[in-house]
N, C-alpha and C. Protein backbone atom coordinates (compact mmCIF):
# COMPACT_ATOMS: atom_id res chain seq x y z
N MET A 1 -6.36 33.57 -2.09
CA MET A 1 -6.35 33.03 -3.44
C MET A 1 -5.60 31.70 -3.47
N LEU A 2 -6.17 30.70 -4.06
CA LEU A 2 -5.55 29.39 -4.12
C LEU A 2 -4.36 29.42 -5.07
N THR A 3 -3.22 28.93 -4.59
CA THR A 3 -2.02 28.94 -5.41
C THR A 3 -2.07 27.83 -6.44
N ALA A 4 -1.12 27.91 -7.40
CA ALA A 4 -1.04 26.88 -8.44
C ALA A 4 -0.78 25.52 -7.82
N ARG A 5 0.08 25.49 -6.79
CA ARG A 5 0.37 24.21 -6.12
C ARG A 5 -0.88 23.63 -5.48
N GLY A 6 -1.66 24.50 -4.85
CA GLY A 6 -2.88 24.04 -4.22
C GLY A 6 -3.88 23.49 -5.22
N ARG A 7 -4.02 24.19 -6.37
CA ARG A 7 -4.95 23.71 -7.40
C ARG A 7 -4.48 22.36 -7.95
N THR A 8 -3.18 22.21 -8.10
CA THR A 8 -2.64 20.94 -8.61
C THR A 8 -2.96 19.79 -7.65
N ILE A 9 -2.76 20.03 -6.35
CA ILE A 9 -3.02 18.99 -5.36
C ILE A 9 -4.49 18.63 -5.32
N LEU A 10 -5.36 19.63 -5.36
CA LEU A 10 -6.80 19.37 -5.31
C LEU A 10 -7.28 18.58 -6.52
N ALA A 11 -6.56 18.66 -7.63
CA ALA A 11 -6.97 17.95 -8.84
C ALA A 11 -6.48 16.51 -8.87
N LEU A 12 -5.60 16.14 -7.93
CA LEU A 12 -5.04 14.79 -7.92
C LEU A 12 -6.03 13.80 -7.33
N PRO A 13 -5.88 12.50 -7.66
CA PRO A 13 -6.66 11.46 -6.97
C PRO A 13 -6.37 11.50 -5.48
N GLU A 14 -7.28 10.98 -4.68
CA GLU A 14 -7.18 11.14 -3.24
C GLU A 14 -5.87 10.59 -2.67
N ASP A 15 -5.44 9.40 -3.11
CA ASP A 15 -4.24 8.81 -2.53
C ASP A 15 -3.00 9.62 -2.88
N LYS A 16 -2.92 10.11 -4.13
CA LYS A 16 -1.77 10.91 -4.53
C LYS A 16 -1.81 12.29 -3.85
N ALA A 17 -3.01 12.84 -3.71
CA ALA A 17 -3.13 14.13 -3.03
C ALA A 17 -2.69 14.02 -1.58
N ARG A 18 -3.03 12.91 -0.93
CA ARG A 18 -2.63 12.71 0.46
C ARG A 18 -1.11 12.66 0.59
N HIS A 19 -0.47 12.01 -0.38
CA HIS A 19 0.99 11.93 -0.36
C HIS A 19 1.61 13.31 -0.54
N GLU A 20 1.08 14.10 -1.50
CA GLU A 20 1.61 15.43 -1.74
C GLU A 20 1.42 16.34 -0.53
N ILE A 21 0.29 16.16 0.15
CA ILE A 21 0.01 16.96 1.35
C ILE A 21 1.03 16.65 2.44
N LYS A 22 1.35 15.36 2.60
CA LYS A 22 2.33 14.97 3.61
C LYS A 22 3.70 15.57 3.29
N VAL A 23 4.07 15.53 2.01
CA VAL A 23 5.35 16.10 1.60
C VAL A 23 5.38 17.60 1.88
N LEU A 24 4.29 18.28 1.52
CA LEU A 24 4.21 19.73 1.75
C LEU A 24 4.25 20.05 3.23
N ASP A 25 3.53 19.25 4.03
CA ASP A 25 3.50 19.48 5.47
C ASP A 25 4.89 19.35 6.08
N ARG A 26 5.64 18.33 5.64
CA ARG A 26 7.00 18.15 6.16
C ARG A 26 7.89 19.32 5.76
N LYS A 27 7.71 19.80 4.51
CA LYS A 27 8.53 20.91 4.01
C LYS A 27 8.28 22.17 4.82
N VAL A 28 7.01 22.46 5.10
CA VAL A 28 6.66 23.66 5.85
C VAL A 28 7.22 23.60 7.26
N ARG A 29 7.11 22.44 7.89
CA ARG A 29 7.61 22.30 9.26
C ARG A 29 9.13 22.43 9.30
N ASP A 30 9.77 21.87 8.28
CA ASP A 30 11.23 21.96 8.23
C ASP A 30 11.69 23.39 8.05
N GLU A 31 10.99 24.16 7.19
CA GLU A 31 11.35 25.57 6.97
C GLU A 31 11.12 26.40 8.23
N ARG A 32 10.04 26.10 8.94
CA ARG A 32 9.77 26.83 10.18
C ARG A 32 10.85 26.57 11.22
N LYS A 33 11.32 25.34 11.24
CA LYS A 33 12.36 24.99 12.21
C LYS A 33 13.65 25.74 11.91
N ARG A 34 14.01 25.85 10.61
CA ARG A 34 15.24 26.53 10.23
C ARG A 34 15.16 28.04 10.46
N SER A 35 13.98 28.62 10.20
CA SER A 35 13.84 30.07 10.32
C SER A 35 13.61 30.52 11.75
N GLY A 36 13.12 29.61 12.60
CA GLY A 36 12.87 29.96 13.99
C GLY A 36 11.53 30.65 14.16
N PRO A 37 11.06 30.85 15.38
CA PRO A 37 9.76 31.48 15.63
C PRO A 37 9.79 32.96 15.27
N ALA A 38 8.67 33.46 14.69
CA ALA A 38 8.56 34.87 14.33
C ALA A 38 7.98 35.66 15.50
N GLY A 39 8.13 37.00 15.44
CA GLY A 39 7.54 37.86 16.44
C GLY A 39 8.44 38.01 17.65
N PRO A 40 7.86 38.47 18.81
CA PRO A 40 8.64 38.69 20.02
C PRO A 40 9.34 37.41 20.45
N LYS A 41 10.54 37.62 21.01
CA LYS A 41 11.30 36.46 21.44
C LYS A 41 10.59 35.77 22.59
N GLY A 42 10.65 34.50 22.60
CA GLY A 42 10.02 33.72 23.66
C GLY A 42 10.51 32.31 23.57
N PRO A 43 9.95 31.42 24.37
CA PRO A 43 10.38 30.03 24.34
C PRO A 43 10.18 29.45 22.94
N ALA A 44 11.17 28.77 22.45
CA ALA A 44 11.07 28.15 21.13
C ALA A 44 10.09 27.01 21.17
N ILE A 45 9.32 26.89 20.11
CA ILE A 45 8.36 25.79 20.00
C ILE A 45 9.00 24.70 19.16
N ALA A 46 9.12 23.55 19.74
CA ALA A 46 9.76 22.44 19.03
C ALA A 46 8.87 21.95 17.92
N GLU A 47 9.45 21.85 16.75
CA GLU A 47 8.72 21.32 15.60
C GLU A 47 9.36 19.99 15.20
N PRO A 48 8.57 18.95 14.95
CA PRO A 48 9.15 17.68 14.52
C PRO A 48 9.83 17.85 13.17
N ASP A 49 11.06 17.33 13.06
CA ASP A 49 11.76 17.48 11.79
C ASP A 49 11.27 16.45 10.79
N ALA A 50 11.74 16.61 9.54
CA ALA A 50 11.27 15.74 8.47
C ALA A 50 11.62 14.29 8.72
N ALA A 51 12.83 14.05 9.28
CA ALA A 51 13.25 12.68 9.54
C ALA A 51 12.34 12.01 10.56
N GLU A 52 11.99 12.75 11.62
CA GLU A 52 11.11 12.19 12.64
C GLU A 52 9.72 11.92 12.06
N ASP A 53 9.22 12.86 11.25
CA ASP A 53 7.92 12.67 10.63
C ASP A 53 7.92 11.46 9.71
N SER A 54 9.03 11.27 8.99
CA SER A 54 9.14 10.12 8.10
C SER A 54 9.14 8.83 8.89
N ARG A 55 9.83 8.85 10.05
CA ARG A 55 9.84 7.64 10.88
C ARG A 55 8.45 7.33 11.39
N ASP A 56 7.69 8.36 11.76
CA ASP A 56 6.32 8.15 12.23
C ASP A 56 5.47 7.48 11.16
N GLN A 57 5.68 7.91 9.90
CA GLN A 57 4.90 7.34 8.81
C GLN A 57 5.28 5.88 8.56
N ASP A 58 6.55 5.55 8.77
CA ASP A 58 7.00 4.18 8.56
C ASP A 58 6.59 3.27 9.70
N ASP A 59 6.42 3.83 10.91
CA ASP A 59 6.11 3.02 12.08
C ASP A 59 4.84 2.21 11.89
N TRP A 60 3.81 2.82 11.33
CA TRP A 60 2.54 2.12 11.20
C TRP A 60 2.68 0.92 10.27
N ARG A 61 3.56 1.04 9.27
CA ARG A 61 3.78 -0.06 8.36
C ARG A 61 4.41 -1.25 9.09
N GLU A 62 5.39 -0.96 9.95
CA GLU A 62 6.01 -2.02 10.72
C GLU A 62 5.01 -2.67 11.66
N VAL A 63 4.15 -1.86 12.28
CA VAL A 63 3.13 -2.40 13.18
C VAL A 63 2.15 -3.27 12.40
N LEU A 64 1.74 -2.81 11.23
CA LEU A 64 0.79 -3.58 10.42
C LEU A 64 1.38 -4.92 10.01
N LEU A 65 2.62 -4.91 9.50
CA LEU A 65 3.24 -6.16 9.06
C LEU A 65 3.43 -7.11 10.23
N SER A 66 3.78 -6.56 11.40
CA SER A 66 3.95 -7.39 12.59
C SER A 66 2.62 -8.02 13.00
N ARG A 67 1.55 -7.22 12.92
CA ARG A 67 0.22 -7.76 13.30
C ARG A 67 -0.22 -8.84 12.33
N LEU A 68 0.01 -8.62 11.05
CA LEU A 68 -0.36 -9.63 10.06
C LEU A 68 0.45 -10.91 10.24
N HIS A 69 1.70 -10.76 10.67
CA HIS A 69 2.54 -11.93 10.88
C HIS A 69 2.06 -12.75 12.07
N ARG A 70 1.36 -12.10 13.00
CA ARG A 70 0.84 -12.82 14.16
C ARG A 70 -0.43 -13.60 13.84
N LEU A 71 -1.01 -13.37 12.68
CA LEU A 71 -2.15 -14.17 12.26
C LEU A 71 -1.69 -15.61 12.00
N THR A 72 -2.63 -16.53 12.06
CA THR A 72 -2.30 -17.89 11.64
C THR A 72 -2.12 -17.89 10.13
N PRO A 73 -1.45 -18.89 9.57
CA PRO A 73 -1.34 -18.94 8.10
C PRO A 73 -2.69 -18.88 7.42
N GLN A 74 -3.68 -19.56 8.00
CA GLN A 74 -5.03 -19.54 7.42
C GLN A 74 -5.66 -18.16 7.56
N GLY A 75 -5.40 -17.51 8.71
CA GLY A 75 -5.94 -16.17 8.91
C GLY A 75 -5.35 -15.17 7.93
N PHE A 76 -4.06 -15.30 7.66
CA PHE A 76 -3.43 -14.40 6.69
C PHE A 76 -3.99 -14.62 5.30
N GLU A 77 -4.23 -15.88 4.96
CA GLU A 77 -4.84 -16.17 3.65
C GLU A 77 -6.21 -15.53 3.54
N GLU A 78 -7.00 -15.62 4.61
CA GLU A 78 -8.33 -15.01 4.61
C GLU A 78 -8.23 -13.50 4.44
N PHE A 79 -7.25 -12.89 5.12
CA PHE A 79 -7.07 -11.45 5.01
C PHE A 79 -6.72 -11.04 3.59
N VAL A 80 -5.81 -11.77 2.96
CA VAL A 80 -5.39 -11.45 1.60
C VAL A 80 -6.57 -11.55 0.64
N ILE A 81 -7.37 -12.60 0.78
CA ILE A 81 -8.55 -12.76 -0.07
C ILE A 81 -9.50 -11.59 0.13
N TYR A 82 -9.71 -11.21 1.39
CA TYR A 82 -10.60 -10.08 1.70
C TYR A 82 -10.09 -8.80 1.05
N LEU A 83 -8.78 -8.54 1.19
CA LEU A 83 -8.20 -7.32 0.63
C LEU A 83 -8.34 -7.27 -0.88
N LEU A 84 -8.03 -8.36 -1.55
CA LEU A 84 -8.11 -8.39 -3.01
C LEU A 84 -9.55 -8.24 -3.50
N LYS A 85 -10.49 -8.73 -2.71
CA LYS A 85 -11.91 -8.56 -3.08
C LYS A 85 -12.30 -7.10 -3.07
N THR A 86 -11.70 -6.30 -2.18
CA THR A 86 -12.03 -4.87 -2.15
C THR A 86 -11.56 -4.16 -3.41
N TYR A 87 -10.68 -4.80 -4.16
CA TYR A 87 -10.21 -4.23 -5.43
C TYR A 87 -10.94 -4.83 -6.62
N GLY A 88 -12.07 -5.46 -6.37
CA GLY A 88 -12.92 -5.92 -7.45
C GLY A 88 -12.75 -7.37 -7.87
N MET A 89 -11.82 -8.09 -7.27
CA MET A 89 -11.64 -9.50 -7.64
C MET A 89 -12.78 -10.34 -7.07
N GLU A 90 -13.20 -11.32 -7.84
CA GLU A 90 -14.22 -12.28 -7.39
C GLU A 90 -13.51 -13.59 -7.10
N LEU A 91 -13.23 -13.82 -5.81
CA LEU A 91 -12.40 -14.94 -5.43
C LEU A 91 -13.14 -15.92 -4.54
N GLU A 92 -12.78 -17.19 -4.71
CA GLU A 92 -13.28 -18.24 -3.83
C GLU A 92 -12.11 -18.79 -3.05
N ARG A 93 -12.29 -18.86 -1.75
CA ARG A 93 -11.23 -19.37 -0.87
C ARG A 93 -11.08 -20.87 -1.07
N VAL A 94 -9.86 -21.31 -1.27
CA VAL A 94 -9.56 -22.74 -1.33
C VAL A 94 -8.40 -23.00 -0.38
N GLY A 95 -8.22 -24.22 0.02
CA GLY A 95 -7.14 -24.52 0.95
C GLY A 95 -7.24 -25.95 1.44
N GLY A 96 -6.30 -26.29 2.33
CA GLY A 96 -6.30 -27.64 2.86
C GLY A 96 -5.54 -28.57 1.93
N SER A 97 -5.62 -29.84 2.21
CA SER A 97 -4.90 -30.82 1.41
C SER A 97 -5.45 -30.83 -0.01
N GLY A 98 -4.55 -30.92 -0.97
CA GLY A 98 -4.97 -30.97 -2.36
C GLY A 98 -5.21 -29.62 -2.98
N ASP A 99 -4.83 -28.54 -2.27
CA ASP A 99 -5.08 -27.22 -2.84
C ASP A 99 -4.00 -26.82 -3.84
N GLU A 100 -2.97 -27.65 -3.96
CA GLU A 100 -1.89 -27.40 -4.93
C GLU A 100 -1.24 -26.03 -4.74
N GLY A 101 -1.16 -25.58 -3.48
CA GLY A 101 -0.50 -24.32 -3.20
C GLY A 101 -1.29 -23.09 -3.56
N ILE A 102 -2.54 -23.24 -3.92
CA ILE A 102 -3.40 -22.10 -4.28
C ILE A 102 -4.35 -21.82 -3.13
N ASP A 103 -4.41 -20.57 -2.71
CA ASP A 103 -5.27 -20.18 -1.59
C ASP A 103 -6.57 -19.53 -2.03
N GLY A 104 -6.61 -19.04 -3.24
CA GLY A 104 -7.82 -18.43 -3.78
C GLY A 104 -7.84 -18.55 -5.29
N ILE A 105 -9.03 -18.70 -5.83
CA ILE A 105 -9.18 -18.81 -7.29
C ILE A 105 -10.42 -18.05 -7.69
N GLY A 106 -10.38 -17.40 -8.83
CA GLY A 106 -11.56 -16.66 -9.26
C GLY A 106 -11.27 -15.79 -10.46
N LEU A 107 -11.93 -14.64 -10.51
CA LEU A 107 -11.85 -13.74 -11.66
C LEU A 107 -11.34 -12.37 -11.24
N ALA A 108 -10.49 -11.81 -12.09
CA ALA A 108 -10.01 -10.44 -11.91
C ALA A 108 -10.53 -9.61 -13.07
N PRO A 109 -11.24 -8.52 -12.81
CA PRO A 109 -11.80 -7.71 -13.89
C PRO A 109 -10.72 -7.01 -14.69
N ILE A 110 -10.85 -7.04 -16.01
CA ILE A 110 -9.95 -6.33 -16.91
C ILE A 110 -10.64 -5.09 -17.47
N SER A 111 -11.92 -5.25 -17.76
CA SER A 111 -12.75 -4.15 -18.27
C SER A 111 -14.18 -4.46 -17.86
N PRO A 112 -15.12 -3.57 -18.15
CA PRO A 112 -16.51 -3.85 -17.80
C PRO A 112 -17.07 -5.13 -18.44
N VAL A 113 -16.44 -5.61 -19.52
CA VAL A 113 -16.97 -6.79 -20.20
C VAL A 113 -15.97 -7.94 -20.25
N LEU A 114 -14.78 -7.76 -19.69
CA LEU A 114 -13.77 -8.80 -19.75
C LEU A 114 -13.20 -9.07 -18.36
N SER A 115 -12.85 -10.32 -18.10
CA SER A 115 -12.20 -10.70 -16.86
C SER A 115 -11.20 -11.81 -17.14
N SER A 116 -10.31 -12.04 -16.19
CA SER A 116 -9.27 -13.05 -16.36
C SER A 116 -9.29 -13.98 -15.16
N ARG A 117 -9.12 -15.27 -15.41
CA ARG A 117 -9.07 -16.24 -14.32
C ARG A 117 -7.74 -16.07 -13.58
N VAL A 118 -7.83 -15.93 -12.26
CA VAL A 118 -6.65 -15.62 -11.47
C VAL A 118 -6.52 -16.57 -10.28
N ALA A 119 -5.28 -16.94 -9.98
CA ALA A 119 -4.99 -17.75 -8.80
C ALA A 119 -4.22 -16.90 -7.80
N VAL A 120 -4.47 -17.12 -6.51
CA VAL A 120 -3.85 -16.32 -5.46
C VAL A 120 -3.16 -17.23 -4.45
N GLN A 121 -1.98 -16.82 -4.04
CA GLN A 121 -1.27 -17.53 -2.97
C GLN A 121 -0.75 -16.51 -1.97
N ALA A 122 -0.92 -16.80 -0.66
CA ALA A 122 -0.47 -15.91 0.40
C ALA A 122 0.58 -16.63 1.24
N LYS A 123 1.74 -16.01 1.39
CA LYS A 123 2.83 -16.58 2.17
C LYS A 123 3.08 -15.71 3.39
N ARG A 124 2.73 -16.24 4.57
CA ARG A 124 2.88 -15.47 5.82
C ARG A 124 4.31 -15.65 6.37
N TYR A 125 5.27 -15.29 5.55
CA TYR A 125 6.66 -15.37 5.99
C TYR A 125 7.01 -14.16 6.86
N ASP A 126 8.10 -14.27 7.59
CA ASP A 126 8.57 -13.17 8.42
C ASP A 126 8.82 -11.93 7.53
N PRO A 127 8.42 -10.73 8.03
CA PRO A 127 8.61 -9.52 7.22
C PRO A 127 10.06 -9.24 6.82
N THR A 128 11.01 -9.84 7.51
CA THR A 128 12.42 -9.62 7.17
C THR A 128 12.93 -10.65 6.16
N SER A 129 12.11 -11.60 5.78
CA SER A 129 12.56 -12.68 4.91
C SER A 129 12.41 -12.30 3.43
N ALA A 130 13.05 -13.10 2.59
CA ALA A 130 12.99 -12.89 1.14
C ALA A 130 12.47 -14.16 0.47
N VAL A 131 11.56 -14.00 -0.47
CA VAL A 131 11.00 -15.11 -1.22
C VAL A 131 11.83 -15.31 -2.48
N GLY A 132 12.28 -16.54 -2.70
CA GLY A 132 13.13 -16.83 -3.83
C GLY A 132 12.37 -17.31 -5.06
N ARG A 133 13.09 -17.56 -6.13
CA ARG A 133 12.51 -17.94 -7.41
C ARG A 133 11.81 -19.30 -7.35
N GLU A 134 12.27 -20.21 -6.46
CA GLU A 134 11.65 -21.53 -6.39
C GLU A 134 10.19 -21.44 -5.99
N VAL A 135 9.89 -20.58 -5.01
CA VAL A 135 8.51 -20.41 -4.56
C VAL A 135 7.65 -19.87 -5.68
N VAL A 136 8.17 -18.88 -6.40
CA VAL A 136 7.42 -18.26 -7.50
C VAL A 136 7.19 -19.27 -8.62
N ALA A 137 8.24 -20.01 -9.00
CA ALA A 137 8.12 -20.97 -10.10
C ALA A 137 7.14 -22.09 -9.76
N LEU A 138 7.16 -22.56 -8.51
CA LEU A 138 6.25 -23.63 -8.10
C LEU A 138 4.80 -23.15 -8.14
N PHE A 139 4.56 -21.95 -7.64
CA PHE A 139 3.21 -21.40 -7.68
C PHE A 139 2.76 -21.18 -9.12
N GLN A 140 3.68 -20.74 -9.95
CA GLN A 140 3.37 -20.52 -11.36
C GLN A 140 2.90 -21.82 -12.01
N ARG A 141 3.56 -22.92 -11.69
CA ARG A 141 3.18 -24.22 -12.23
C ARG A 141 1.79 -24.64 -11.74
N ASP A 142 1.54 -24.44 -10.43
CA ASP A 142 0.24 -24.80 -9.87
C ASP A 142 -0.88 -23.94 -10.44
N ALA A 143 -0.61 -22.65 -10.63
CA ALA A 143 -1.62 -21.76 -11.19
C ALA A 143 -1.96 -22.16 -12.62
N ALA A 144 -0.94 -22.54 -13.40
CA ALA A 144 -1.18 -22.98 -14.78
C ALA A 144 -2.01 -24.25 -14.80
N ALA A 145 -1.74 -25.17 -13.88
CA ALA A 145 -2.49 -26.42 -13.82
C ALA A 145 -3.95 -26.17 -13.47
N ALA A 146 -4.22 -25.07 -12.75
CA ALA A 146 -5.59 -24.73 -12.37
C ALA A 146 -6.29 -23.91 -13.45
N GLY A 147 -5.61 -23.67 -14.57
CA GLY A 147 -6.22 -22.92 -15.66
C GLY A 147 -6.20 -21.43 -15.47
N ALA A 148 -5.35 -20.93 -14.57
CA ALA A 148 -5.29 -19.49 -14.33
C ALA A 148 -4.53 -18.79 -15.44
N GLU A 149 -5.04 -17.63 -15.84
CA GLU A 149 -4.37 -16.80 -16.84
C GLU A 149 -3.45 -15.77 -16.20
N ARG A 150 -3.73 -15.45 -14.95
CA ARG A 150 -2.88 -14.55 -14.17
C ARG A 150 -2.77 -15.12 -12.76
N ALA A 151 -1.78 -14.63 -12.01
CA ALA A 151 -1.58 -15.11 -10.65
C ALA A 151 -1.10 -13.97 -9.76
N VAL A 152 -1.39 -14.08 -8.47
CA VAL A 152 -0.98 -13.06 -7.50
C VAL A 152 -0.35 -13.78 -6.31
N LEU A 153 0.87 -13.39 -5.99
CA LEU A 153 1.59 -13.97 -4.85
C LEU A 153 1.87 -12.86 -3.84
N VAL A 154 1.41 -13.06 -2.61
CA VAL A 154 1.51 -12.03 -1.58
C VAL A 154 2.37 -12.53 -0.43
N THR A 155 3.28 -11.69 0.03
CA THR A 155 4.08 -12.04 1.19
C THR A 155 4.30 -10.80 2.05
N LEU A 156 4.74 -11.01 3.30
CA LEU A 156 5.00 -9.89 4.20
C LEU A 156 6.41 -9.35 4.03
N GLY A 157 7.29 -10.14 3.43
CA GLY A 157 8.68 -9.73 3.26
C GLY A 157 8.94 -9.10 1.91
N ARG A 158 9.95 -9.60 1.23
CA ARG A 158 10.30 -9.06 -0.08
C ARG A 158 10.59 -10.21 -1.04
N PHE A 159 10.79 -9.88 -2.30
CA PHE A 159 11.12 -10.88 -3.32
C PHE A 159 12.53 -10.63 -3.82
N THR A 160 13.27 -11.72 -4.05
CA THR A 160 14.61 -11.58 -4.60
C THR A 160 14.53 -11.17 -6.06
N SER A 161 15.64 -10.72 -6.59
CA SER A 161 15.69 -10.34 -8.01
C SER A 161 15.38 -11.54 -8.90
N ALA A 162 15.87 -12.72 -8.50
CA ALA A 162 15.61 -13.93 -9.28
C ALA A 162 14.12 -14.26 -9.26
N ALA A 163 13.47 -14.03 -8.13
CA ALA A 163 12.03 -14.30 -8.04
C ALA A 163 11.25 -13.37 -8.96
N ARG A 164 11.66 -12.10 -9.03
CA ARG A 164 10.97 -11.15 -9.89
C ARG A 164 11.16 -11.50 -11.36
N ARG A 165 12.34 -11.97 -11.70
CA ARG A 165 12.56 -12.38 -13.09
C ARG A 165 11.72 -13.60 -13.44
N ALA A 166 11.63 -14.54 -12.50
CA ALA A 166 10.85 -15.75 -12.73
C ALA A 166 9.37 -15.45 -12.88
N SER A 167 8.90 -14.39 -12.24
CA SER A 167 7.46 -14.08 -12.26
C SER A 167 6.95 -13.72 -13.65
N THR A 168 7.86 -13.29 -14.53
CA THR A 168 7.46 -12.90 -15.88
C THR A 168 8.09 -13.78 -16.96
N ALA A 169 8.81 -14.82 -16.52
CA ALA A 169 9.53 -15.66 -17.49
C ALA A 169 8.65 -16.73 -18.11
N ALA A 170 7.49 -17.00 -17.52
CA ALA A 170 6.60 -18.03 -18.03
C ALA A 170 5.16 -17.60 -17.77
N THR A 171 4.23 -18.39 -18.26
CA THR A 171 2.82 -18.09 -18.03
C THR A 171 2.23 -19.11 -17.05
N PRO A 172 1.29 -18.65 -16.24
CA PRO A 172 0.78 -17.28 -16.17
C PRO A 172 1.78 -16.35 -15.48
N MET A 173 1.73 -15.08 -15.85
CA MET A 173 2.56 -14.09 -15.17
C MET A 173 2.10 -13.95 -13.74
N VAL A 174 3.05 -13.86 -12.82
CA VAL A 174 2.72 -13.75 -11.40
C VAL A 174 2.94 -12.30 -10.95
N ASN A 175 1.88 -11.68 -10.47
CA ASN A 175 1.98 -10.33 -9.90
C ASN A 175 2.45 -10.48 -8.45
N LEU A 176 3.58 -9.87 -8.12
CA LEU A 176 4.19 -10.01 -6.81
C LEU A 176 3.83 -8.83 -5.92
N ILE A 177 3.31 -9.12 -4.73
CA ILE A 177 2.96 -8.09 -3.75
C ILE A 177 3.79 -8.35 -2.51
N ASP A 178 4.80 -7.48 -2.28
CA ASP A 178 5.64 -7.62 -1.10
C ASP A 178 5.06 -6.83 0.06
N GLY A 179 5.79 -6.79 1.18
CA GLY A 179 5.27 -6.12 2.36
C GLY A 179 4.99 -4.65 2.15
N ASP A 180 5.89 -3.95 1.46
CA ASP A 180 5.69 -2.52 1.22
C ASP A 180 4.44 -2.27 0.37
N ARG A 181 4.29 -3.06 -0.70
CA ARG A 181 3.13 -2.90 -1.57
C ARG A 181 1.85 -3.28 -0.84
N LEU A 182 1.93 -4.27 0.02
CA LEU A 182 0.76 -4.68 0.79
C LEU A 182 0.29 -3.54 1.69
N CYS A 183 1.24 -2.85 2.31
CA CYS A 183 0.88 -1.70 3.15
C CYS A 183 0.21 -0.61 2.32
N GLU A 184 0.71 -0.37 1.12
CA GLU A 184 0.11 0.64 0.25
C GLU A 184 -1.33 0.28 -0.09
N LEU A 185 -1.58 -0.99 -0.40
CA LEU A 185 -2.93 -1.42 -0.75
C LEU A 185 -3.88 -1.29 0.44
N VAL A 186 -3.38 -1.62 1.64
CA VAL A 186 -4.19 -1.48 2.85
C VAL A 186 -4.50 -0.01 3.10
N GLU A 187 -3.49 0.87 2.92
CA GLU A 187 -3.69 2.30 3.16
C GLU A 187 -4.70 2.89 2.18
N GLN A 188 -4.62 2.49 0.93
CA GLN A 188 -5.54 3.02 -0.08
C GLN A 188 -6.99 2.66 0.23
N GLN A 189 -7.21 1.49 0.79
CA GLN A 189 -8.57 1.06 1.11
C GLN A 189 -8.97 1.41 2.54
N GLY A 190 -8.01 1.85 3.35
CA GLY A 190 -8.32 2.21 4.73
C GLY A 190 -8.79 1.04 5.56
N ILE A 191 -8.19 -0.12 5.34
CA ILE A 191 -8.62 -1.35 6.02
C ILE A 191 -7.81 -1.55 7.30
N GLY A 192 -8.48 -1.59 8.43
CA GLY A 192 -7.82 -1.90 9.70
C GLY A 192 -6.89 -0.81 10.21
N ILE A 193 -6.95 0.39 9.65
CA ILE A 193 -6.10 1.49 10.09
C ILE A 193 -6.96 2.74 10.27
N ARG A 194 -6.46 3.65 11.09
CA ARG A 194 -7.14 4.94 11.26
C ARG A 194 -6.18 6.02 10.81
N GLN A 195 -6.61 6.84 9.87
CA GLN A 195 -5.75 7.87 9.29
C GLN A 195 -6.04 9.22 9.93
N ALA A 196 -4.98 9.85 10.45
CA ALA A 196 -5.14 11.16 11.07
C ALA A 196 -5.27 12.23 10.00
N PRO A 197 -6.18 13.20 10.18
CA PRO A 197 -6.32 14.26 9.17
C PRO A 197 -5.10 15.18 9.15
N ILE A 198 -4.76 15.68 7.97
CA ILE A 198 -3.66 16.63 7.80
C ILE A 198 -4.23 17.89 7.16
N VAL A 199 -3.90 19.04 7.75
CA VAL A 199 -4.41 20.31 7.25
C VAL A 199 -3.60 20.72 6.02
N LEU A 200 -4.29 21.02 4.93
CA LEU A 200 -3.67 21.53 3.72
C LEU A 200 -3.63 23.06 3.83
N ASP A 201 -2.50 23.58 4.28
CA ASP A 201 -2.38 25.00 4.58
C ASP A 201 -2.72 25.88 3.39
N GLU A 202 -2.26 25.51 2.19
CA GLU A 202 -2.47 26.35 1.02
C GLU A 202 -3.94 26.41 0.61
N TRP A 203 -4.72 25.42 0.99
CA TRP A 203 -6.13 25.41 0.60
C TRP A 203 -6.86 26.63 1.14
N PHE A 204 -6.43 27.15 2.30
CA PHE A 204 -7.11 28.27 2.95
C PHE A 204 -6.67 29.62 2.41
N ASP A 205 -5.68 29.63 1.49
CA ASP A 205 -5.20 30.90 0.94
C ASP A 205 -6.31 31.67 0.23
N ARG A 206 -7.28 30.97 -0.31
CA ARG A 206 -8.36 31.62 -1.05
C ARG A 206 -9.15 32.59 -0.19
N PHE A 207 -9.13 32.39 1.14
CA PHE A 207 -9.94 33.22 2.02
C PHE A 207 -9.14 34.39 2.60
N ASP A 208 -7.82 34.43 2.36
CA ASP A 208 -7.01 35.51 2.91
C ASP A 208 -7.41 36.87 2.33
N THR A 209 -7.89 36.90 1.08
CA THR A 209 -8.25 38.16 0.43
C THR A 209 -9.77 38.38 0.41
N ALA A 210 -10.50 37.54 1.15
CA ALA A 210 -11.95 37.68 1.17
C ALA A 210 -12.35 38.99 1.85
N ARG A 211 -13.29 39.68 1.25
CA ARG A 211 -13.74 40.96 1.80
C ARG A 211 -14.76 40.73 2.90
N PRO A 212 -14.70 41.50 3.98
CA PRO A 212 -15.68 41.34 5.04
C PRO A 212 -17.07 41.71 4.55
N LEU A 213 -18.09 41.02 5.07
CA LEU A 213 -19.47 41.31 4.66
C LEU A 213 -19.95 42.61 5.29
């Protein structure tokens, strides 16, 4: 019989369900490690602990950010445009001299009948670096000059608190995508990564009480 937890997970969107499954999987493994192997005594089976499992999940993010950092600045811009297009944006790549700091320009859908003009900038900075308010404010000015109503700034590192405040202090508002958020967007679309399947143990509970034919 499917438990309440299992029904809740199955009702979630795929990305959220995957997260809940990972959390549940870590919890089960951790409990097994604390309780020890059941049945006749024998060699203990090593189970990865929650901390190790968490490190494994973070490792791919570090590898992804490192790989993106090895792209040329132009290659990273192309990647960002490609990624944003998978989320429904209609973007045209711009660049070179006279681009006014804008790497992509186009439309972002708001509803089936409405869209907003959006400017995009990609900064291939080191993943350990922080983007300050000056970069955000300058891009904001360039986006406004291009007639953009919204803007998206993407980097491999992080944004300072001052940069985040600046992103909403004037128009157009700048949506900030740091390295962590970039990894989430890549994972949701399954771009350039291979995801290992995880068994949802509770899903099979429904068959435990099944009567033999």
